[in-house]
C-alpha atoms as a PDB file:
ATOM      1  CA  MET A   1      -0.113  -0.083  -0.094  1.00  0.00           C
ATOM      2  CA  SER A   2       1.440   3.459  -0.652  1.00  0.00           C
ATOM      3  CA  GLU A   3       1.171   5.825   1.805  1.00  0.00           C
ATOM      4  CA  VAL A   4       0.257  10.389   1.882  1.00  0.00           C
ATOM      5  CA  PHE A   5       1.098  12.492   4.151  1.00  0.00           C
ATOM      6  CA  LEU A   6      -1.443  14.867   4.480  1.00  0.00           C
ATOM      7  CA  ASP A   7      -1.227  17.792   6.206  1.00  0.00           C
ATOM      8  CA  THR A   8      -4.233  21.282   6.045  1.00  0.00           C
ATOM      9  CA  GLU A   9      -3.704  24.906   7.461  1.00  0.00           C
ATOM     10  CA  THR A  10      -7.357  26.716   8.433  1.00  0.00           C
ATOM     11  CA  THR A  11      -8.731  30.297   9.420  1.00  0.00           C
ATOM     12  CA  GLY A  12      -8.622  28.590  13.148  1.00  0.00           C
ATOM     13  CA  LEU A  13      -8.981  25.872  15.658  1.00  0.00           C
ATOM     14  CA  SER A  14     -12.533  24.233  15.161  1.00  0.00           C
ATOM     15  CA  PHE A  15     -14.713  23.559  11.902  1.00  0.00           C
ATOM     16  CA  LYS A  16     -17.826  23.600  14.460  1.00  0.00           C
ATOM     17  CA  GLU A  17     -17.228  26.906  15.484  1.00  0.00           C
ATOM     18  CA  GLY A  18     -17.495  27.832  11.539  1.00  0.00           C
ATOM     19  CA  HIS A  19     -13.693  27.797  10.523  1.00  0.00           C
ATOM     20  CA  LYS A  20     -12.833  26.489   6.941  1.00  0.00           C
ATOM     21  CA  ILE A  21      -9.323  25.324   5.399  1.00  0.00           C
ATOM     22  CA  VAL A  22      -7.302  27.361   3.418  1.00  0.00           C
ATOM     23  CA  GLU A  23      -4.507  25.011   2.220  1.00  0.00           C
ATOM     24  CA  ILE A  24      -4.374  21.277   1.992  1.00  0.00           C
ATOM     25  CA  ALA A  25      -1.243  19.364   0.680  1.00  0.00           C
ATOM     26  CA  CYS A  26      -0.681  15.589   0.281  1.00  0.00           C
ATOM     27  CA  ILE A  27       2.936  13.930  -0.586  1.00  0.00           C
ATOM     28  CA  GLU A  28       2.364  10.191  -1.979  1.00  0.00           C
ATOM     29  CA  THR A  29       5.153   7.924  -0.888  1.00  0.00           C
ATOM     30  CA  ARG A  30       5.633   4.350  -1.955  1.00  0.00           C
ATOM     31  CA  ASP A  31       7.485   2.121   1.438  1.00  0.00           C
ATOM     32  CA  LEU A  32       7.857   5.755   2.642  1.00  0.00           C
ATOM     33  CA  ILE A  33       9.932   7.253  -0.608  1.00  0.00           C
ATOM     34  CA  PRO A  34       8.316  10.026  -2.288  1.00  0.00           C
ATOM     35  CA  THR A  35       6.915   9.223  -5.782  1.00  0.00           C
ATOM     36  CA  GLY A  36       6.804  12.571  -6.700  1.00  0.00           C
ATOM     37  CA  ASN A  37       2.947  12.798  -7.007  1.00  0.00           C
ATOM     38  CA  VAL A  38       1.962  15.740  -4.988  1.00  0.00           C
ATOM     39  CA  PHE A  39      -1.689  16.981  -4.281  1.00  0.00           C
ATOM     40  CA  HIS A  40      -1.331  21.125  -2.936  1.00  0.00           C
ATOM     41  CA  LYS A  41      -3.878  23.226  -3.293  1.00  0.00           C
ATOM     42  CA  LEU A  42      -4.912  26.567  -2.044  1.00  0.00           C
ATOM     43  CA  ILE A  43      -8.596  27.438  -0.742  1.00  0.00           C
ATOM     44  CA  ASN A  44     -10.957  30.174  -0.654  1.00  0.00           C
ATOM     45  CA  PRO A  45     -12.694  29.917   3.029  1.00  0.00           C
ATOM     46  CA  LEU A  46     -15.577  32.210   1.850  1.00  0.00           C
ATOM     47  CA  ARG A  47     -15.077  33.896   5.163  1.00  0.00           C
ATOM     48  CA  ASP A  48     -12.133  36.140   6.961  1.00  0.00           C
ATOM     49  CA  VAL A  49      -9.457  35.167   7.705  1.00  0.00           C
ATOM     50  CA  PRO A  50      -8.412  35.994  11.582  1.00  0.00           C
ATOM     51  CA  GLN A  51      -5.201  37.631  12.536  1.00  0.00           C
ATOM     52  CA  ALA A  52      -3.647  35.187  14.266  1.00  0.00           C
ATOM     53  CA  ALA A  53      -4.415  32.274  11.793  1.00  0.00           C
ATOM     54  CA  PHE A  54      -2.498  34.752   9.845  1.00  0.00           C
ATOM     55  CA  GLU A  55       0.187  35.226  11.602  1.00  0.00           C
ATOM     56  CA  ILE A  56       0.514  31.351  11.527  1.00  0.00           C
ATOM     57  CA  HIS A  57       0.700  30.179   8.022  1.00  0.00           C
ATOM     58  CA  GLY A  58       0.149  33.916   6.256  1.00  0.00           C
ATOM     59  CA  PHE A  59      -2.469  33.664   4.236  1.00  0.00           C
ATOM     60  CA  SER A  60      -4.887  36.388   4.027  1.00  0.00           C
ATOM     61  CA  GLN A  61      -8.619  36.836   2.653  1.00  0.00           C
ATOM     62  CA  GLU A  62      -7.476  39.055   0.004  1.00  0.00           C
ATOM     63  CA  SER A  63      -4.664  36.413  -1.134  1.00  0.00           C
ATOM     64  CA  LEU A  64      -7.233  33.763  -1.519  1.00  0.00           C
ATOM     65  CA  ILE A  65      -9.982  35.228  -2.878  1.00  0.00           C
ATOM     66  CA  LYS A  66      -9.269  33.802  -6.411  1.00  0.00           C
ATOM     67  CA  GLU A  67      -8.572  30.358  -4.893  1.00  0.00           C
ATOM     68  CA  PRO A  68     -11.337  27.119  -5.707  1.00  0.00           C
ATOM     69  CA  ILE A  69     -13.758  26.860  -2.861  1.00  0.00           C
ATOM     70  CA  PHE A  70     -13.176  23.537  -1.156  1.00  0.00           C
ATOM     71  CA  GLU A  71     -16.021  21.968  -3.545  1.00  0.00           C
ATOM     72  CA  LYS A  72     -14.591  22.403  -6.620  1.00  0.00           C
ATOM     73  CA  ILE A  73     -11.274  20.584  -5.261  1.00  0.00           C
ATOM     74  CA  ALA A  74     -12.965  17.859  -3.524  1.00  0.00           C
ATOM     75  CA  ASP A  75     -13.518  15.155  -5.829  1.00  0.00           C
ATOM     76  CA  GLU A  76      -9.226  15.643  -7.116  1.00  0.00           C
ATOM     77  CA  LEU A  77      -8.558  15.044  -3.771  1.00  0.00           C
ATOM     78  CA  LEU A  78     -10.708  12.316  -2.274  1.00  0.00           C
ATOM     79  CA  ASN A  79      -9.096  10.386  -5.639  1.00  0.00           C
ATOM     80  CA  PHE A  80      -5.339  11.206  -4.625  1.00  0.00           C
ATOM     81  CA  ILE A  81      -5.899   9.478  -1.437  1.00  0.00           C
ATOM     82  CA  ASP A  82      -8.089   6.709  -2.570  1.00  0.00           C
ATOM     83  CA  GLY A  83      -6.550   2.925  -1.265  1.00  0.00           C
ATOM     84  CA  LYS A  84      -3.553   4.482   0.426  1.00  0.00           C
ATOM     85  CA  LYS A  85      -2.169   5.208   4.525  1.00  0.00           C
ATOM     86  CA  ILE A  86      -2.829   8.441   5.451  1.00  0.00           C
ATOM     87  CA  ILE A  87      -0.435   9.420   7.959  1.00  0.00           C
ATOM     88  CA  ILE A  88      -1.436  12.933   9.755  1.00  0.00           C
ATOM     89  CA  HIS A  89       0.373  14.722  12.957  1.00  0.00           C
ATOM     90  CA  ASN A  90      -2.402  15.478  15.277  1.00  0.00           C
ATOM     91  CA  ALA A  91      -5.166  13.676  12.824  1.00  0.00           C
ATOM     92  CA  PRO A  92      -8.311  14.337  14.939  1.00  0.00           C
ATOM     93  CA  PHE A  93      -7.715  18.452  14.091  1.00  0.00           C
ATOM     94  CA  ASP A  94      -7.244  17.604  10.001  1.00  0.00           C
ATOM     95  CA  LEU A  95     -10.302  14.839   9.835  1.00  0.00           C
ATOM     96  CA  GLY A  96     -12.156  16.841  11.582  1.00  0.00           C
ATOM     97  CA  PHE A  97     -12.121  20.127   9.295  1.00  0.00           C
ATOM     98  CA  LEU A  98     -11.837  17.420   6.357  1.00  0.00           C
ATOM     99  CA  ASN A  99     -14.673  15.212   6.975  1.00  0.00           C
ATOM    100  CA  GLY A 100     -16.696  18.497   8.871  1.00  0.00           C
ATOM    101  CA  GLU A 101     -16.177  19.949   4.709  1.00  0.00           C
ATOM    102  CA  LEU A 102     -16.710  16.408   2.854  1.00  0.00           C
ATOM    103  CA  LYS A 103     -20.131  16.273   4.776  1.00  0.00           C
ATOM    104  CA  GLN A 104     -21.371  19.808   3.951  1.00  0.00           C
ATOM    105  CA  ILE A 105     -21.035  19.347   0.685  1.00  0.00           C
ATOM    106  CA  LYS A 106     -22.153  15.289   0.665  1.00  0.00           C
ATOM    107  CA  LYS A 107     -19.283  13.728  -0.565  1.00  0.00           C
ATOM    108  CA  LYS A 108     -17.490  10.222   0.919  1.00  0.00           C
ATOM    109  CA  LEU A 109     -15.809  10.726   4.235  1.00  0.00           C
ATOM    110  CA  ILE A 110     -12.312   9.861   5.116  1.00  0.00           C
ATOM    111  CA  ASP A 111     -11.722   6.381   6.628  1.00  0.00           C
ATOM    112  CA  LYS A 112     -10.396   6.733  10.294  1.00  0.00           C
ATOM    113  CA  SER A 113      -9.156   3.342  10.060  1.00  0.00           C
ATOM    114  CA  LEU A 114      -6.686   3.941   7.322  1.00  0.00           C
ATOM    115  CA  VAL A 115      -5.163   7.233   9.436  1.00  0.00           C
ATOM    116  CA  VAL A 116      -1.950   6.753  10.709  1.00  0.00           C
ATOM    117  CA  ASP A 117      -1.597   9.666  13.863  1.00  0.00           C
ATOM    118  CA  THR A 118       2.064  10.230  14.423  1.00  0.00           C
ATOM    119  CA  LEU A 119       1.249  12.477  17.057  1.00  0.00           C
ATOM    120  CA  THR A 120      -0.054   9.756  19.078  1.00  0.00           C
ATOM    121  CA  ILE A 121       2.699   7.640  18.091  1.00  0.00           C
ATOM    122  CA  ALA A 122       5.204  10.339  19.563  1.00  0.00           C
ATOM    123  CA  ARG A 123       2.968  10.627  22.731  1.00  0.00           C
ATOM    124  CA  ASN A 124       3.318   6.601  23.605  1.00  0.00           C
ATOM    125  CA  LYS A 125       7.073   6.748  22.418  1.00  0.00           C
ATOM    126  CA  TYR A 126       7.856  10.361  24.495  1.00  0.00           C
ATOM    127  CA  PRO A 127       5.469  10.533  27.235  1.00  0.00           C
ATOM    128  CA  GLY A 128       5.671  13.903  29.126  1.00  0.00           C
ATOM    129  CA  SER A 129       7.739  15.754  26.544  1.00  0.00           C
ATOM    130  CA  SER A 130       6.760  18.132  23.768  1.00  0.00           C
ATOM    131  CA  ASN A 131       5.612  16.207  20.865  1.00  0.00           C
ATOM    132  CA  SER A 132       4.519  19.007  18.442  1.00  0.00           C
ATOM    133  CA  LEU A 133       6.218  18.517  14.664  1.00  0.00           C
ATOM    134  CA  ASP A 134       8.946  21.690  15.391  1.00  0.00           C
ATOM    135  CA  ALA A 135       9.835  19.448  18.787  1.00  0.00           C
ATOM    136  CA  LEU A 136      10.097  16.390  16.944  1.00  0.00           C
ATOM    137  CA  CYS A 137      11.935  18.022  14.135  1.00  0.00           C
ATOM    138  CA  LYS A 138      14.509  19.499  16.462  1.00  0.00           C
ATOM    139  CA  LYS A 139      14.526  16.220  18.528  1.00  0.00           C
ATOM    140  CA  PHE A 140      15.543  13.747  15.236  1.00  0.00           C
ATOM    141  CA  ASN A 141      17.588  16.981  14.245  1.00  0.00           C
ATOM    142  CA  ILE A 142      15.610  17.566  11.131  1.00  0.00           C
ATOM    143  CA  ASP A 143      16.596  20.618   9.467  1.00  0.00           C
ATOM    144  CA  LEU A 144      13.621  23.877  10.175  1.00  0.00           C
ATOM    145  CA  SER A 145      15.136  26.636   8.541  1.00  0.00           C
ATOM    146  CA  LYS A 146      12.436  26.801   5.815  1.00  0.00           C
ATOM    147  CA  ARG A 147       9.691  26.797   8.318  1.00  0.00           C
ATOM    148  CA  ILE A 148       9.150  30.194   8.722  1.00  0.00           C
ATOM    149  CA  LYS A 149       5.734  30.163   8.687  1.00  0.00           C
ATOM    150  CA  HIS A 150       3.184  26.832   8.523  1.00  0.00           C
ATOM    151  CA  ASN A 151       3.081  25.749   5.365  1.00  0.00           C
ATOM    152  CA  ALA A 152       0.950  22.837   4.469  1.00  0.00           C
ATOM    153  CA  LEU A 153       3.246  21.336   1.652  1.00  0.00           C
ATOM    154  CA  LEU A 154       6.853  21.877   3.677  1.00  0.00           C
ATOM    155  CA  ASP A 155       5.081  20.160   6.688  1.00  0.00           C
ATOM    156  CA  CYS A 156       4.377  17.292   4.958  1.00  0.00           C
ATOM    157  CA  GLU A 157       7.784  16.731   3.731  1.00  0.00           C
ATOM    158  CA  LEU A 158       9.397  17.439   7.674  1.00  0.00           C
ATOM    159  CA  LEU A 159       6.401  15.241   8.766  1.00  0.00           C
ATOM    160  CA  ARG A 160       7.671  12.115   6.890  1.00  0.00           C
ATOM    161  CA  GLU A 161      11.401  12.477   8.201  1.00  0.00           C
ATOM    162  CA  VAL A 162       9.488  12.855  11.845  1.00  0.00           C
ATOM    163  CA  TYR A 163       7.489   9.488  11.324  1.00  0.00           C
ATOM    164  CA  ILE A 164      10.868   7.528   9.520  1.00  0.00           C
ATOM    165  CA  ASN A 165      12.327   8.600  12.883  1.00  0.00           C
ATOM    166  CA  LEU A 166       9.604   7.727  14.873  1.00  0.00           C
ATOM    167  CA  LEU A 167       9.985   4.065  13.525  1.00  0.00           C
ATOM    168  CA  ASP A 168      13.324   3.954  14.669  1.00  0.00           C
ATOM    169  CA  ALA A 169      13.816   3.530  10.705  1.00  0.00           C
ATOM    170  CA  LYS A 170      17.027   4.575   8.179  1.00  0.00           C
ATOM    171  CA  GLU A 171      15.622   6.687   5.738  1.00  0.00           C
ATOM    172  CA  PRO A 172      14.374   4.195   2.958  1.00  0.00           C
ATOM    173  CA  LYS A 173      16.828   4.026  -0.203  1.00  0.00           C
ATOM    174  CA  PHE A 174      16.096   3.054  -4.055  1.00  0.00           C
ATOM    175  CA  ASN A 175      17.306  -0.816  -4.244  1.00  0.00           C
ATOM    176  CA  LEU A 176      19.792  -0.722  -6.946  1.00  0.00           C
ATOM    177  CA  LEU A 177      20.866  -3.858  -6.483  1.00  0.00           C
ATOM    178  CA  SER A 178      19.192  -6.609  -8.666  1.00  0.00           C
ATOM    179  CA  ASP A 179      18.174 -10.343  -8.086  1.00  0.00           C
ATOM    180  CA  ASN A 180      20.839 -11.111 -10.681  1.00  0.00           C
ATOM    181  CA  PRO A 181      23.076 -13.819  -9.351  1.00  0.00           C
ATOM    182  CA  ASP A 182      25.852 -12.766 -11.894  1.00  0.00           C
ATOM    183  CA  GLN A 183      25.973  -8.952 -10.340  1.00  0.00           C
ATOM    184  CA  LYS A 184      29.552  -8.705  -8.971  1.00  0.00           C
ATOM    185  CA  LEU A 185      30.679  -6.329  -6.128  1.00  0.00           C
ATOM    186  CA  THR A 186      33.894  -5.516  -5.655  1.00  0.00           C
ATOM    187  CA  LYS A 187      35.392  -3.555  -2.952  1.00  0.00           C
ATOM    188  CA  ASN A 188      36.205   0.330  -2.524  1.00  0.00           C
ATOM    189  CA  HIS A 189      39.067   1.012  -0.337  1.00  0.00           C
ATOM    190  CA  ARG A 190      39.151   4.420  -0.596  1.00  0.00           C
ATOM    191  CA  TYR A 191      35.741   4.657   1.075  1.00  0.00           C
ATOM    192  CA  ASN A 192      35.748   0.862   2.614  1.00  0.00           C
ATOM    193  CA  LYS A 193      32.336   0.000   0.998  1.00  0.00           C
ATOM    194  CA  ASN A 194      31.323  -2.822  -1.621  1.00  0.00           C
ATOM    195  CA  VAL A 195      30.139  -1.161  -4.691  1.00  0.00           C
ATOM    196  CA  VAL A 196      28.112  -2.829  -7.734  1.00  0.00           C
ATOM    197  CA  GLU A 197      30.890  -3.359 -10.384  1.00  0.00           C
ATOM    198  CA  ILE A 198      29.268  -2.514 -13.716  1.00  0.00           C
ATOM    199  CA  PRO A 199      29.618  -4.354 -17.062  1.00  0.00           C
ATOM    200  CA  GLU A 200      31.921  -2.694 -20.011  1.00  0.00           C
ATOM    201  CA  GLU A 201      29.054  -2.985 -22.147  1.00  0.00           C
ATOM    202  CA  GLU A 202      26.463  -1.052 -19.958  1.00  0.00           C
ATOM    203  CA  ILE A 203      29.404   1.462 -19.463  1.00  0.00           C
ATOM    204  CA  ASN A 204      29.838   2.123 -23.334  1.00  0.00           C
ATOM    205  CA  LEU A 205      25.671   2.544 -23.637  1.00  0.00           C
ATOM    206  CA  HIS A 206      25.906   4.680 -21.229  1.00  0.00           C
ATOM    207  CA  LYS A 207      28.785   6.959 -22.774  1.00  0.00           C
ATOM    208  CA  ASN A 208      26.652   6.586 -26.020  1.00  0.00           C
ATOM    209  CA  PHE A 209      23.926   8.324 -24.455  1.00  0.00           C
ATOM    210  CA  ILE A 210      25.065  11.167 -23.075  1.00  0.00           C
ATOM    211  CA  LYS A 211      26.973  11.921 -26.750  1.00  0.00           C
ATOM    212  CA  LYS A 212      23.069  11.623 -28.421  1.00  0.00           C
ATOM    213  CA  GLU A 213      21.997  13.768 -25.289  1.00  0.00           C
ATOM    214  CA  ILE A 214      24.907  16.556 -25.857  1.00  0.00           C
ATOM    215  CA  LYS A 215      23.809  16.528 -29.602  1.00  0.00           C
ATOM    216  CA  LYS A 216      20.455  16.274 -29.356  1.00  0.00           C
ATOM    217  CA  ASN A 217      20.123  19.632 -27.237  1.00  0.00           C
ATOM    218  CA  TYR A 218      23.439  21.934 -28.338  1.00  0.00           C
ATOM    219  CA  TYR A 219      23.889  21.354 -31.406  1.00  0.00           C
END
């Protein structure tokens, strides 16, 4: 199953109090490796943005006036997350808004059984300590220099790194080794690593490909 890291920004703390979503971001991964598929939308909340919310994410009512309303992007969102594990930090908050918006326009609600709440994982693992996204990034030495204001897309990227650390997993890498029994490994003594020995035929094919690309693009 693929995963989706999801985050929202809103006009306030509760959908039931009339607050609305202003930004939604989702990053798709497979085995926690980004696939390159991203869903990212700014949304016109059809209401004012309180100063307290503006100071958190930087989106004003004026800047969102030309963005689509939630109903216009709902089907695209549901198609993007369909059948995938959904990973959210403080899931009740985001789900409260998302399912509130979906219910209002009579769309299918997000199945809570597909959702993983990283805040719950963090609280179980580190009871008694701050487990905000910022705090966890600092705990795991994840770079926060770009997080000047809350941004749903950036927060999804940070959350993926946090989740990997919460699972005590190493950053996943692409598997460059095939199941070919004839594939050879040689020792690189400079870096003290085993490396795949690339056949001379493949090296020549790569060189020819590079020559063709240079000729095509520059001549």
